[in-house]
Amino acid sequence: MLRIAVPNKGSLAEAAATMLREAGYRQRSESKELAILDPDNDVEFFYLRPRDIAVYVGEGTLDLGITGKDLLVDSGTRAAEVLPLGFGASTFRLAALPGTIGSLRDLEGKRVATAYTGVMEGILQREGIDAKIVRLDGAVETAIRLGVADAVADVVQTGTTLRTAGLEIVGEEPLMTSEAVLIGRDGVQQQGAVAQLIRRLQNVLVARRYVMIDYDIRSEQLEAAVAVTPGLESPTVSPLHNEGWHAVRAMVPQGDTNRIMDELWSLGARAILVTDIVACRI
């Protein structure tokens, strides 16, 4: 039986549960449940703190897990990223009082407070910077004001919390970008139930990124229209009852839908319809 760790609370947990349901896996109905069986897929899910998931997977206690890439790196375990999941995006950034720290290099000989010591240690080591890391659990925004650090490093989405505390983001580029990832224990074989889970999640990502477009087009404009909607492999083209017309069906990127519809309309396409893809196997 495949054993998988899933976040137990927060937005990461909600998004992970939604994705697993879309992939055809049973999920808990109440937040107090710590583990559930999915006998149809021969899987057992365990609901753990996101920060602990990489530890359980890295030690080989569990086969797979869903957690943040930042938490995976911070854990320092032997767990490895298997598949990025496209949600839970965040950045790891440096912040300080205005005018005090201008770049990462300015941390030389300074103190930086963070709850992600593993991530920060790796960055400092890679850049050859000698700075003292002050480990704090939870919010680090007040560390500078309380005199325990010269800068702070934290995972942020908008940076509003840091700015509210009177700090400014250092540098235009983040120290690290993160998102939710599927992780696996060292040596896990991507076959059987593991391969099935990965394949299902990959196809959920495809279903979320693409839509199906259908339209009618005159024969003389068919090649030009197909160039606009080439599909993943090739569009489906069928002759209509009315001579000189064809029906076309193709998958197109969801974000380009309106532009594509406008181009098709300009080519003379009519009856243009767009539908969501609930599930697929590509």
C-alpha atoms as a PDB file:
ATOM      1  CA  MET A   1       0.000   0.000   0.000  1.00  0.00           C
ATOM      2  CA  LEU A   2       1.252   3.469  -0.930  1.00  0.00           C
ATOM      3  CA  ARG A   3       1.610   5.822   2.045  1.00  0.00           C
ATOM      4  CA  ILE A   4       1.325   9.555   1.324  1.00  0.00           C
ATOM      5  CA  ALA A   5       1.699  12.595   3.599  1.00  0.00           C
ATOM      6  CA  VAL A   6      -0.644  15.541   3.012  1.00  0.00           C
ATOM      7  CA  PRO A   7      -0.680  18.974   4.759  1.00  0.00           C
ATOM      8  CA  ASN A   8      -3.139  18.976   7.654  1.00  0.00           C
ATOM      9  CA  LYS A   9      -4.265  22.605   7.610  1.00  0.00           C
ATOM     10  CA  GLY A  10      -4.100  25.951   5.850  1.00  0.00           C
ATOM     11  CA  SER A  11      -4.372  26.942   2.211  1.00  0.00           C
ATOM     12  CA  LEU A  12      -1.754  24.373   1.184  1.00  0.00           C
ATOM     13  CA  ALA A  13      -3.892  21.607   2.696  1.00  0.00           C
ATOM     14  CA  GLU A  14      -7.059  22.792   0.940  1.00  0.00           C
ATOM     15  CA  ALA A  15      -5.359  23.048  -2.450  1.00  0.00           C
ATOM     16  CA  ALA A  16      -3.674  19.648  -2.062  1.00  0.00           C
ATOM     17  CA  ALA A  17      -6.950  17.964  -1.106  1.00  0.00           C
ATOM     18  CA  THR A  18      -8.731  19.536  -4.081  1.00  0.00           C
ATOM     19  CA  MET A  19      -6.056  18.362  -6.488  1.00  0.00           C
ATOM     20  CA  LEU A  20      -6.085  14.822  -5.095  1.00  0.00           C
ATOM     21  CA  ARG A  21      -9.871  14.655  -5.393  1.00  0.00           C
ATOM     22  CA  GLU A  22      -9.626  15.828  -9.008  1.00  0.00           C
ATOM     23  CA  ALA A  23      -7.099  13.026  -9.539  1.00  0.00           C
ATOM     24  CA  GLY A  24      -9.627  10.487  -8.264  1.00  0.00           C
ATOM     25  CA  TYR A  25      -8.372   9.930  -4.710  1.00  0.00           C
ATOM     26  CA  ARG A  26     -10.501   9.858  -1.600  1.00  0.00           C
ATOM     27  CA  GLN A  27      -9.832  12.626   0.928  1.00  0.00           C
ATOM     28  CA  ARG A  28     -10.945  13.203   4.496  1.00  0.00           C
ATOM     29  CA  SER A  29     -14.344  14.737   5.186  1.00  0.00           C
ATOM     30  CA  GLU A  30     -13.408  16.222   8.571  1.00  0.00           C
ATOM     31  CA  SER A  31     -10.274  18.130   9.535  1.00  0.00           C
ATOM     32  CA  LYS A  32      -9.862  16.127  12.750  1.00  0.00           C
ATOM     33  CA  GLU A  33      -9.096  12.945  10.790  1.00  0.00           C
ATOM     34  CA  LEU A  34      -5.363  12.224  10.928  1.00  0.00           C
ATOM     35  CA  ALA A  35      -5.321   9.347   8.435  1.00  0.00           C
ATOM     36  CA  ILE A  36      -7.691   7.758   5.936  1.00  0.00           C
ATOM     37  CA  LEU A  37      -7.645   4.719   3.660  1.00  0.00           C
ATOM     38  CA  ASP A  38      -8.447   4.811  -0.038  1.00  0.00           C
ATOM     39  CA  PRO A  39      -8.881   1.087  -0.754  1.00  0.00           C
ATOM     40  CA  ASP A  40      -9.905   1.623  -4.378  1.00  0.00           C
ATOM     41  CA  ASN A  41      -6.466   3.084  -5.147  1.00  0.00           C
ATOM     42  CA  ASP A  42      -4.529   1.113  -2.505  1.00  0.00           C
ATOM     43  CA  VAL A  43      -3.369   4.324  -0.816  1.00  0.00           C
ATOM     44  CA  GLU A  44      -3.275   5.550   2.784  1.00  0.00           C
ATOM     45  CA  PHE A  45      -3.115   9.298   3.425  1.00  0.00           C
ATOM     46  CA  PHE A  46      -1.592  10.839   6.566  1.00  0.00           C
ATOM     47  CA  TYR A  47      -2.338  14.472   7.488  1.00  0.00           C
ATOM     48  CA  LEU A  48       0.725  16.141   8.989  1.00  0.00           C
ATOM     49  CA  ARG A  49       2.205  19.578   9.616  1.00  0.00           C
ATOM     50  CA  PRO A  50       3.629  20.804   6.280  1.00  0.00           C
ATOM     51  CA  ARG A  51       7.030  21.375   7.915  1.00  0.00           C
ATOM     52  CA  ASP A  52       7.180  17.751   9.118  1.00  0.00           C
ATOM     53  CA  ILE A  53       6.257  16.061   5.858  1.00  0.00           C
ATOM     54  CA  ALA A  54       9.728  16.163   4.285  1.00  0.00           C
ATOM     55  CA  VAL A  55      11.173  14.595   7.444  1.00  0.00           C
ATOM     56  CA  TYR A  56       8.802  11.617   7.362  1.00  0.00           C
ATOM     57  CA  VAL A  57       9.344  11.101   3.644  1.00  0.00           C
ATOM     58  CA  GLY A  58      13.097  11.640   3.844  1.00  0.00           C
ATOM     59  CA  GLU A  59      13.411   9.028   6.606  1.00  0.00           C
ATOM     60  CA  GLY A  60      11.516   6.526   4.466  1.00  0.00           C
ATOM     61  CA  THR A  61       8.587   6.284   6.884  1.00  0.00           C
ATOM     62  CA  LEU A  62       6.243   7.438   4.114  1.00  0.00           C
ATOM     63  CA  ASP A  63       6.614   6.982   0.359  1.00  0.00           C
ATOM     64  CA  LEU A  64       5.434  10.344  -0.949  1.00  0.00           C
ATOM     65  CA  GLY A  65       4.274  13.695   0.364  1.00  0.00           C
ATOM     66  CA  ILE A  66       2.966  17.089  -0.670  1.00  0.00           C
ATOM     67  CA  THR A  67       4.657  20.119   0.863  1.00  0.00           C
ATOM     68  CA  GLY A  68       6.274  23.422  -0.077  1.00  0.00           C
ATOM     69  CA  LYS A  69       9.568  23.393  -1.957  1.00  0.00           C
ATOM     70  CA  ASP A  70      10.926  25.819   0.631  1.00  0.00           C
ATOM     71  CA  LEU A  71      10.076  23.375   3.446  1.00  0.00           C
ATOM     72  CA  LEU A  72      11.707  20.535   1.524  1.00  0.00           C
ATOM     73  CA  VAL A  73      14.944  22.493   1.134  1.00  0.00           C
ATOM     74  CA  ASP A  74      14.800  23.693   4.729  1.00  0.00           C
ATOM     75  CA  SER A  75      14.420  20.140   6.079  1.00  0.00           C
ATOM     76  CA  GLY A  76      17.823  19.017   4.827  1.00  0.00           C
ATOM     77  CA  THR A  77      16.460  15.472   4.451  1.00  0.00           C
ATOM     78  CA  ARG A  78      17.038  12.965   1.664  1.00  0.00           C
ATOM     79  CA  ALA A  79      13.558  13.500   0.256  1.00  0.00           C
ATOM     80  CA  ALA A  80      13.563  14.686  -3.348  1.00  0.00           C
ATOM     81  CA  GLU A  81      11.212  16.722  -5.513  1.00  0.00           C
ATOM     82  CA  VAL A  82       9.198  14.531  -7.869  1.00  0.00           C
ATOM     83  CA  LEU A  83       6.680  16.910  -9.435  1.00  0.00           C
ATOM     84  CA  PRO A  84       5.843  20.645  -9.119  1.00  0.00           C
ATOM     85  CA  LEU A  85       2.103  21.028  -8.501  1.00  0.00           C
ATOM     86  CA  GLY A  86       1.361  24.563  -9.660  1.00  0.00           C
ATOM     87  CA  PHE A  87      -0.124  26.041  -6.481  1.00  0.00           C
ATOM     88  CA  GLY A  88       1.092  27.575  -3.224  1.00  0.00           C
ATOM     89  CA  ALA A  89       3.519  29.945  -4.945  1.00  0.00           C
ATOM     90  CA  SER A  90       5.701  32.080  -2.656  1.00  0.00           C
ATOM     91  CA  THR A  91       9.130  33.688  -2.537  1.00  0.00           C
ATOM     92  CA  PHE A  92      11.910  33.686   0.050  1.00  0.00           C
ATOM     93  CA  ARG A  93      13.113  37.261   0.501  1.00  0.00           C
ATOM     94  CA  LEU A  94      15.486  39.352   2.540  1.00  0.00           C
ATOM     95  CA  ALA A  95      14.184  42.468   4.322  1.00  0.00           C
ATOM     96  CA  ALA A  96      15.698  45.140   6.540  1.00  0.00           C
ATOM     97  CA  LEU A  97      15.168  48.683   7.786  1.00  0.00           C
ATOM     98  CA  PRO A  98      15.339  51.214   4.925  1.00  0.00           C
ATOM     99  CA  GLY A  99      18.887  52.192   4.012  1.00  0.00           C
ATOM    100  CA  THR A 100      20.643  49.548   6.135  1.00  0.00           C
ATOM    101  CA  ILE A 101      21.030  46.500   3.858  1.00  0.00           C
ATOM    102  CA  GLY A 102      21.267  47.043   0.112  1.00  0.00           C
ATOM    103  CA  SER A 103      22.063  43.548  -1.119  1.00  0.00           C
ATOM    104  CA  LEU A 104      22.706  40.009   0.019  1.00  0.00           C
ATOM    105  CA  ARG A 105      26.439  40.795   0.164  1.00  0.00           C
ATOM    106  CA  ASP A 106      25.785  43.394   2.855  1.00  0.00           C
ATOM    107  CA  LEU A 107      24.985  40.543   5.266  1.00  0.00           C
ATOM    108  CA  GLU A 108      28.706  39.875   5.678  1.00  0.00           C
ATOM    109  CA  GLY A 109      29.372  39.960   9.417  1.00  0.00           C
ATOM    110  CA  LYS A 110      25.719  40.726  10.172  1.00  0.00           C
ATOM    111  CA  ARG A 111      22.849  38.819  11.847  1.00  0.00           C
ATOM    112  CA  VAL A 112      19.869  37.550   9.898  1.00  0.00           C
ATOM    113  CA  ALA A 113      16.767  36.163  11.615  1.00  0.00           C
ATOM    114  CA  THR A 114      14.704  33.472   9.928  1.00  0.00           C
ATOM    115  CA  ALA A 115      12.506  30.463  10.585  1.00  0.00           C
ATOM    116  CA  TYR A 116      14.052  28.792   7.529  1.00  0.00           C
ATOM    117  CA  THR A 117      17.601  28.204   8.715  1.00  0.00           C
ATOM    118  CA  GLY A 118      18.263  25.384   6.257  1.00  0.00           C
ATOM    119  CA  VAL A 119      17.320  27.552   3.287  1.00  0.00           C
ATOM    120  CA  MET A 120      19.348  30.511   4.547  1.00  0.00           C
ATOM    121  CA  GLU A 121      22.402  28.423   5.375  1.00  0.00           C
ATOM    122  CA  GLY A 122      22.422  27.041   1.830  1.00  0.00           C
ATOM    123  CA  ILE A 123      22.176  30.514   0.307  1.00  0.00           C
ATOM    124  CA  LEU A 124      24.973  31.955   2.461  1.00  0.00           C
ATOM    125  CA  GLN A 125      27.204  28.986   1.801  1.00  0.00           C
ATOM    126  CA  ARG A 126      26.603  29.169  -1.939  1.00  0.00           C
ATOM    127  CA  GLU A 127      27.417  32.886  -2.012  1.00  0.00           C
ATOM    128  CA  GLY A 128      30.389  32.587   0.362  1.00  0.00           C
ATOM    129  CA  ILE A 129      28.938  35.030   2.892  1.00  0.00           C
ATOM    130  CA  ASP A 130      29.851  34.826   6.572  1.00  0.00           C
ATOM    131  CA  ALA A 131      26.780  35.888   8.555  1.00  0.00           C
ATOM    132  CA  LYS A 132      25.170  34.735  11.770  1.00  0.00           C
ATOM    133  CA  ILE A 133      21.759  33.080  11.460  1.00  0.00           C
ATOM    134  CA  VAL A 134      19.332  33.718  14.309  1.00  0.00           C
ATOM    135  CA  ARG A 135      16.710  30.989  14.373  1.00  0.00           C
ATOM    136  CA  LEU A 136      13.188  32.098  15.236  1.00  0.00           C
ATOM    137  CA  ASP A 137       9.929  30.157  15.081  1.00  0.00           C
ATOM    138  CA  GLY A 138       7.029  31.930  13.449  1.00  0.00           C
ATOM    139  CA  ALA A 139       6.944  35.635  12.619  1.00  0.00           C
ATOM    140  CA  VAL A 140      10.329  37.339  12.311  1.00  0.00           C
ATOM    141  CA  GLU A 141       9.188  40.890  11.500  1.00  0.00           C
ATOM    142  CA  THR A 142      10.016  42.300  14.953  1.00  0.00           C
ATOM    143  CA  ALA A 143      13.487  40.738  15.208  1.00  0.00           C
ATOM    144  CA  ILE A 144      15.273  43.891  14.045  1.00  0.00           C
ATOM    145  CA  ARG A 145      13.296  46.247  16.273  1.00  0.00           C
ATOM    146  CA  LEU A 146      13.990  43.999  19.278  1.00  0.00           C
ATOM    147  CA  GLY A 147      17.719  44.090  18.535  1.00  0.00           C
ATOM    148  CA  VAL A 148      18.369  40.413  17.797  1.00  0.00           C
ATOM    149  CA  ALA A 149      19.040  40.783  14.060  1.00  0.00           C
ATOM    150  CA  ASP A 150      20.169  43.234  11.379  1.00  0.00           C
ATOM    151  CA  ALA A 151      17.948  41.677   8.687  1.00  0.00           C
ATOM    152  CA  VAL A 152      15.236  39.074   8.354  1.00  0.00           C
ATOM    153  CA  ALA A 153      14.604  36.404   5.718  1.00  0.00           C
ATOM    154  CA  ASP A 154      11.141  34.937   5.296  1.00  0.00           C
ATOM    155  CA  VAL A 155       8.728  33.298   2.905  1.00  0.00           C
ATOM    156  CA  VAL A 156       6.339  35.921   1.563  1.00  0.00           C
ATOM    157  CA  GLN A 157       3.579  36.192  -1.020  1.00  0.00           C
ATOM    158  CA  THR A 158       3.021  39.943  -1.263  1.00  0.00           C
ATOM    159  CA  GLY A 159       5.455  41.410   1.278  1.00  0.00           C
ATOM    160  CA  THR A 160       2.693  43.440   2.928  1.00  0.00           C
ATOM    161  CA  THR A 161       3.437  42.091   6.423  1.00  0.00           C
ATOM    162  CA  LEU A 162       7.099  43.073   6.165  1.00  0.00           C
ATOM    163  CA  ARG A 163       6.284  46.550   4.908  1.00  0.00           C
ATOM    164  CA  THR A 164       3.719  47.029   7.679  1.00  0.00           C
ATOM    165  CA  ALA A 165       6.522  46.314  10.162  1.00  0.00           C
ATOM    166  CA  GLY A 166       8.569  49.166   8.646  1.00  0.00           C
ATOM    167  CA  LEU A 167      10.891  46.938   6.621  1.00  0.00           C
ATOM    168  CA  GLU A 168      11.744  47.045   2.954  1.00  0.00           C
ATOM    169  CA  ILE A 169      12.432  44.143   0.622  1.00  0.00           C
ATOM    170  CA  VAL A 170      16.114  43.889  -0.324  1.00  0.00           C
ATOM    171  CA  GLY A 171      16.769  43.369  -4.037  1.00  0.00           C
ATOM    172  CA  GLU A 172      14.400  42.888  -6.946  1.00  0.00           C
ATOM    173  CA  GLU A 173      14.917  39.135  -7.264  1.00  0.00           C
ATOM    174  CA  PRO A 174      13.886  36.724  -4.487  1.00  0.00           C
ATOM    175  CA  LEU A 175      16.494  34.537  -2.800  1.00  0.00           C
ATOM    176  CA  MET A 176      14.340  31.536  -3.699  1.00  0.00           C
ATOM    177  CA  THR A 177      10.993  30.799  -5.350  1.00  0.00           C
ATOM    178  CA  SER A 178       8.718  28.100  -4.009  1.00  0.00           C
ATOM    179  CA  GLU A 179       5.498  26.245  -4.750  1.00  0.00           C
ATOM    180  CA  ALA A 180       3.808  23.058  -3.640  1.00  0.00           C
ATOM    181  CA  VAL A 181       5.651  19.943  -4.789  1.00  0.00           C
ATOM    182  CA  LEU A 182       5.181  16.196  -4.680  1.00  0.00           C
ATOM    183  CA  ILE A 183       8.202  14.716  -2.938  1.00  0.00           C
ATOM    184  CA  GLY A 184       9.451  11.139  -2.659  1.00  0.00           C
ATOM    185  CA  ARG A 185      11.701   9.201  -0.370  1.00  0.00           C
ATOM    186  CA  ASP A 186      15.173   8.334  -1.599  1.00  0.00           C
ATOM    187  CA  GLY A 187      15.011   5.445  -4.042  1.00  0.00           C
ATOM    188  CA  VAL A 188      11.224   5.336  -4.428  1.00  0.00           C
ATOM    189  CA  GLN A 189      10.391   3.525  -7.657  1.00  0.00           C
ATOM    190  CA  GLN A 190       8.196   5.425 -10.111  1.00  0.00           C
ATOM    191  CA  GLN A 191       6.099   2.437 -11.087  1.00  0.00           C
ATOM    192  CA  GLY A 192       2.820   0.868 -10.055  1.00  0.00           C
ATOM    193  CA  ALA A 193       0.771   3.037  -7.679  1.00  0.00           C
ATOM    194  CA  VAL A 194       3.494   5.716  -7.585  1.00  0.00           C
ATOM    195  CA  ALA A 195       3.552   6.063 -11.369  1.00  0.00           C
ATOM    196  CA  GLN A 196      -0.253   6.157 -11.422  1.00  0.00           C
ATOM    197  CA  LEU A 197      -0.378   8.983  -8.876  1.00  0.00           C
ATOM    198  CA  ILE A 198       2.221  11.022 -10.775  1.00  0.00           C
ATOM    199  CA  ARG A 199       0.423  10.465 -14.079  1.00  0.00           C
ATOM    200  CA  ARG A 200      -2.927  11.487 -12.582  1.00  0.00           C
ATOM    201  CA  LEU A 201      -1.506  14.652 -11.035  1.00  0.00           C
ATOM    202  CA  GLN A 202       0.242  15.574 -14.282  1.00  0.00           C
ATOM    203  CA  ASN A 203      -3.058  15.268 -16.115  1.00  0.00           C
ATOM    204  CA  VAL A 204      -4.860  17.368 -13.502  1.00  0.00           C
ATOM    205  CA  LEU A 205      -2.300  20.080 -14.262  1.00  0.00           C
ATOM    206  CA  VAL A 206      -3.027  19.751 -17.978  1.00  0.00           C
ATOM    207  CA  ALA A 207      -6.792  19.910 -17.380  1.00  0.00           C
ATOM    208  CA  ARG A 208      -6.322  23.099 -15.342  1.00  0.00           C
ATOM    209  CA  ARG A 209      -4.116  24.799 -17.909  1.00  0.00           C
ATOM    210  CA  TYR A 210      -6.095  23.997 -21.038  1.00  0.00           C
ATOM    211  CA  VAL A 211      -9.664  24.283 -22.314  1.00  0.00           C
ATOM    212  CA  MET A 212     -11.411  22.698 -25.275  1.00  0.00           C
ATOM    213  CA  ILE A 213     -12.433  24.962 -28.137  1.00  0.00           C
ATOM    214  CA  ASP A 214     -14.926  24.041 -30.869  1.00  0.00           C
ATOM    215  CA  TYR A 215     -15.799  26.119 -33.913  1.00  0.00           C
ATOM    216  CA  ASP A 216     -17.043  25.974 -37.491  1.00  0.00           C
ATOM    217  CA  ILE A 217     -14.898  27.323 -40.315  1.00  0.00           C
ATOM    218  CA  ARG A 218     -15.133  27.561 -44.115  1.00  0.00           C
ATOM    219  CA  SER A 219     -12.891  25.151 -46.018  1.00  0.00           C
ATOM    220  CA  GLU A 220     -10.837  27.911 -47.601  1.00  0.00           C
ATOM    221  CA  GLN A 221      -9.913  29.241 -44.136  1.00  0.00           C
ATOM    222  CA  LEU A 222      -9.365  25.848 -42.516  1.00  0.00           C
ATOM    223  CA  GLU A 223      -5.556  25.792 -42.673  1.00  0.00           C
ATOM    224  CA  ALA A 224      -5.278  29.310 -41.289  1.00  0.00           C
ATOM    225  CA  ALA A 225      -7.646  28.440 -38.424  1.00  0.00           C
ATOM    226  CA  VAL A 226      -5.774  25.221 -37.622  1.00  0.00           C
ATOM    227  CA  ALA A 227      -2.566  27.248 -37.399  1.00  0.00           C
ATOM    228  CA  VAL A 228      -4.240  29.279 -34.638  1.00  0.00           C
ATOM    229  CA  THR A 229      -5.445  26.130 -32.803  1.00  0.00           C
ATOM    230  CA  PRO A 230      -2.872  23.380 -33.457  1.00  0.00           C
ATOM    231  CA  GLY A 231      -3.869  21.461 -30.305  1.00  0.00           C
ATOM    232  CA  LEU A 232      -1.477  19.238 -28.357  1.00  0.00           C
ATOM    233  CA  GLU A 233      -1.087  16.638 -31.094  1.00  0.00           C
ATOM    234  CA  SER A 234      -3.397  17.781 -33.867  1.00  0.00           C
ATOM    235  CA  PRO A 235      -6.922  19.217 -33.928  1.00  0.00           C
ATOM    236  CA  THR A 236      -9.955  17.093 -34.781  1.00  0.00           C
ATOM    237  CA  VAL A 237     -11.458  18.225 -38.094  1.00  0.00           C
ATOM    238  CA  SER A 238     -14.807  16.931 -39.387  1.00  0.00           C
ATOM    239  CA  PRO A 239     -16.838  17.949 -42.454  1.00  0.00           C
ATOM    240  CA  LEU A 240     -20.231  19.540 -41.736  1.00  0.00           C
ATOM    241  CA  HIS A 241     -23.500  18.774 -43.480  1.00  0.00           C
ATOM    242  CA  ASN A 242     -23.315  22.124 -45.233  1.00  0.00           C
ATOM    243  CA  GLU A 243     -20.763  21.758 -48.016  1.00  0.00           C
ATOM    244  CA  GLY A 244     -17.676  23.909 -47.661  1.00  0.00           C
ATOM    245  CA  TRP A 245     -17.721  24.007 -43.851  1.00  0.00           C
ATOM    246  CA  HIS A 246     -15.730  22.050 -41.261  1.00  0.00           C
ATOM    247  CA  ALA A 247     -16.036  21.596 -37.500  1.00  0.00           C
ATOM    248  CA  VAL A 248     -12.776  21.870 -35.553  1.00  0.00           C
ATOM    249  CA  ARG A 249     -12.006  20.810 -31.975  1.00  0.00           C
ATOM    250  CA  ALA A 250      -8.692  21.453 -30.203  1.00  0.00           C
ATOM    251  CA  MET A 251      -7.136  22.033 -26.783  1.00  0.00           C
ATOM    252  CA  VAL A 252      -5.830  25.570 -26.235  1.00  0.00           C
ATOM    253  CA  PRO A 253      -4.118  27.283 -23.291  1.00  0.00           C
ATOM    254  CA  GLN A 254      -6.735  28.682 -20.941  1.00  0.00           C
ATOM    255  CA  GLY A 255      -4.974  32.037 -20.627  1.00  0.00           C
ATOM    256  CA  ASP A 256      -5.052  32.580 -24.413  1.00  0.00           C
ATOM    257  CA  THR A 257      -8.739  31.760 -24.883  1.00  0.00           C
ATOM    258  CA  ASN A 258     -10.088  35.229 -25.691  1.00  0.00           C
ATOM    259  CA  ARG A 259      -7.231  36.126 -28.030  1.00  0.00           C
ATOM    260  CA  ILE A 260      -7.702  32.856 -29.922  1.00  0.00           C
ATOM    261  CA  MET A 261     -11.465  33.383 -30.169  1.00  0.00           C
ATOM    262  CA  ASP A 262     -10.900  36.865 -31.605  1.00  0.00           C
ATOM    263  CA  GLU A 263      -8.444  35.537 -34.205  1.00  0.00           C
ATOM    264  CA  LEU A 264     -10.805  32.752 -35.217  1.00  0.00           C
ATOM    265  CA  TRP A 265     -13.697  35.190 -35.546  1.00  0.00           C
ATOM    266  CA  SER A 266     -11.571  37.391 -37.792  1.00  0.00           C
ATOM    267  CA  LEU A 267     -10.913  34.362 -40.003  1.00  0.00           C
ATOM    268  CA  GLY A 268     -14.643  33.758 -40.341  1.00  0.00           C
ATOM    269  CA  ALA A 269     -15.088  31.056 -37.708  1.00  0.00           C
ATOM    270  CA  ARG A 270     -18.537  30.825 -36.184  1.00  0.00           C
ATOM    271  CA  ALA A 271     -20.250  28.876 -33.366  1.00  0.00           C
ATOM    272  CA  ILE A 272     -17.084  29.222 -31.295  1.00  0.00           C
ATOM    273  CA  LEU A 273     -17.540  27.395 -28.002  1.00  0.00           C
ATOM    274  CA  VAL A 274     -15.119  26.949 -25.092  1.00  0.00           C
ATOM    275  CA  THR A 275     -15.557  24.274 -22.407  1.00  0.00           C
ATOM    276  CA  ASP A 276     -13.546  23.320 -19.326  1.00  0.00           C
ATOM    277  CA  ILE A 277     -11.670  20.028 -19.218  1.00  0.00           C
ATOM    278  CA  VAL A 278     -12.740  18.182 -16.085  1.00  0.00           C
ATOM    279  CA  ALA A 279     -10.303  15.283 -16.488  1.00  0.00           C
ATOM    280  CA  CYS A 280      -7.927  13.979 -19.111  1.00  0.00           C
ATOM    281  CA  ARG A 281      -5.142  11.532 -19.891  1.00  0.00           C
ATOM    282  CA  ILE A 282      -2.512  13.005 -22.177  1.00  0.00           C
END
